[in-house]
Amino acid sequence: MTRPAALRSPRRDGREHPALRLCATGDLELGQVRRFETDAGPIALVHCESGFRALLDVCSHEDYPLSEGEVFADVCEIECLRHGSTFSLLDGSPQSLPATQSVQVVPIEVDSGEVFG
């Protein structure tokens, strides 16, 4: 499901957060992925064992949304549903063929139980 990013939220210190709120940390269970529409384009936000990670939501092998694929939370990877390429959620690098190019990592921040990107 595609969800629009929410408006900017204040930090605990009262200053406005520099990025858009995507969701609360409790909104994504371990191993779950969710697509968000942002100014930078669609992103796939994933909850893996090392925390929350985000990539541009498009396979580098073919224009297909990674958010429709399977998440391997224990190794922090996501699989493209179309051809089975897997990508590291840590650095976007392809872990299996047919993809040979990385997917862009999107910087996110977790603050006070909220995910911003």
Protein backbone atom coordinates (compact mmCIF):
# COMPACT_ATOMS: atom_id res chain seq x y z
CA MET A 1 0.00 0.00 0.00
CA THR A 2 1.32 3.44 -0.88
CA ARG A 3 1.10 6.04 1.84
CA PRO A 4 1.91 9.72 1.56
CA ALA A 5 4.48 11.06 3.96
CA ALA A 6 3.02 13.14 6.77
CA LEU A 7 3.81 16.72 7.60
CA ARG A 8 6.89 17.77 9.52
CA SER A 9 6.69 17.09 13.24
CA PRO A 10 8.38 18.83 16.15
CA ARG A 11 11.31 17.15 17.89
CA ARG A 12 11.36 16.62 21.63
CA ASP A 13 13.26 19.91 21.97
CA GLY A 14 10.39 21.72 20.19
CA ARG A 15 12.25 22.47 16.95
CA GLU A 16 10.70 21.36 13.68
CA HIS A 17 12.13 18.12 12.33
CA PRO A 18 14.12 18.66 9.09
CA ALA A 19 12.49 15.71 7.30
CA LEU A 20 8.95 14.47 6.73
CA ARG A 21 7.39 12.03 9.14
CA LEU A 22 6.85 8.67 7.47
CA CYS A 23 5.31 6.65 10.30
CA ALA A 24 5.63 5.58 13.92
CA THR A 25 8.14 2.82 14.64
CA GLY A 26 5.28 0.62 15.87
CA ASP A 27 3.53 0.87 12.49
CA LEU A 28 5.96 -1.58 10.83
CA GLU A 29 6.54 -5.01 12.30
CA LEU A 30 9.91 -6.71 11.92
CA GLY A 31 10.20 -7.92 8.31
CA GLN A 32 7.52 -5.58 6.99
CA VAL A 33 7.96 -3.11 4.10
CA ARG A 34 5.79 -0.12 3.25
CA ARG A 35 5.90 2.25 0.28
CA PHE A 36 5.77 6.01 0.82
CA GLU A 37 5.44 8.77 -1.76
CA THR A 38 7.93 11.59 -1.06
CA ASP A 39 9.25 14.63 -2.90
CA ALA A 40 12.30 12.53 -3.83
CA GLY A 41 10.06 9.83 -5.31
CA PRO A 42 8.64 6.59 -3.93
CA ILE A 43 10.64 4.93 -1.16
CA ALA A 44 10.44 1.49 0.41
CA LEU A 45 10.74 1.69 4.19
CA VAL A 46 11.71 -1.62 5.80
CA HIS A 47 11.98 -2.80 9.39
CA CYS A 48 14.86 -5.29 9.60
CA GLU A 49 16.81 -6.66 12.55
CA SER A 50 19.32 -3.81 12.45
CA GLY A 51 16.54 -1.19 12.51
CA PHE A 52 14.68 0.83 9.91
CA ARG A 53 16.14 1.18 6.40
CA ALA A 54 14.91 2.85 3.21
CA LEU A 55 15.66 2.54 -0.50
CA LEU A 56 14.20 4.15 -3.59
CA ASP A 57 11.30 1.87 -4.39
CA VAL A 58 12.49 0.67 -7.79
CA CYS A 59 14.57 -2.33 -8.78
CA SER A 60 17.75 -1.37 -10.63
CA HIS A 61 17.30 -4.30 -13.03
CA GLU A 62 13.82 -3.35 -14.17
CA ASP A 63 11.37 -0.63 -13.20
CA TYR A 64 9.47 -2.62 -10.58
CA PRO A 65 8.62 -1.66 -6.97
CA LEU A 66 10.78 -3.35 -4.36
CA SER A 67 8.06 -2.76 -1.77
CA GLU A 68 6.11 -5.62 -3.36
CA GLY A 69 8.94 -8.07 -2.64
CA GLU A 70 9.92 -10.23 0.30
CA VAL A 71 12.03 -8.91 3.19
CA PHE A 72 14.74 -11.05 4.76
CA ALA A 73 14.89 -9.22 8.10
CA ASP A 74 17.68 -11.34 9.59
CA VAL A 75 20.18 -10.37 6.85
CA CYS A 76 18.63 -6.97 6.09
CA GLU A 77 17.83 -7.65 2.42
CA ILE A 78 14.82 -7.23 0.15
CA GLU A 79 13.94 -9.32 -2.89
CA CYS A 80 12.42 -7.95 -6.08
CA LEU A 81 9.25 -9.89 -6.77
CA ARG A 82 9.67 -9.69 -10.55
CA HIS A 83 13.01 -11.48 -11.14
CA GLY A 84 14.27 -12.46 -7.69
CA SER A 85 17.23 -10.08 -7.34
CA THR A 86 18.00 -9.28 -3.73
CA PHE A 87 19.43 -6.01 -2.44
CA SER A 88 21.18 -5.07 0.78
CA LEU A 89 19.12 -2.63 2.81
CA LEU A 90 22.36 -1.37 4.37
CA ASP A 91 24.02 -0.07 1.19
CA GLY A 92 21.65 -0.87 -1.70
CA SER A 93 24.10 -3.27 -3.36
CA PRO A 94 22.73 -6.21 -5.36
CA GLN A 95 23.21 -9.55 -3.61
CA SER A 96 22.02 -11.78 -6.46
CA LEU A 97 21.48 -11.69 -10.21
CA PRO A 98 20.03 -10.57 -12.52
CA ALA A 99 20.54 -7.10 -10.97
CA THR A 100 24.11 -5.79 -11.18
CA GLN A 101 23.59 -2.16 -10.12
CA SER A 102 22.84 -0.80 -6.66
CA VAL A 103 19.58 0.77 -5.58
CA GLN A 104 19.83 4.21 -3.99
CA VAL A 105 19.71 4.23 -0.19
CA VAL A 106 17.44 6.93 1.25
CA PRO A 107 18.59 8.51 4.52
CA ILE A 108 16.09 8.23 7.34
CA GLU A 109 16.11 9.12 11.01
CA VAL A 110 14.33 7.57 13.97
CA ASP A 111 13.48 10.04 16.72
CA SER A 112 11.13 9.61 19.67
CA GLY A 113 9.40 6.58 18.17
CA GLU A 114 8.87 8.23 14.77
CA VAL A 115 10.55 7.54 11.41
CA PHE A 116 11.48 10.55 9.27
CA GLY A 117 12.79 10.62 5.73
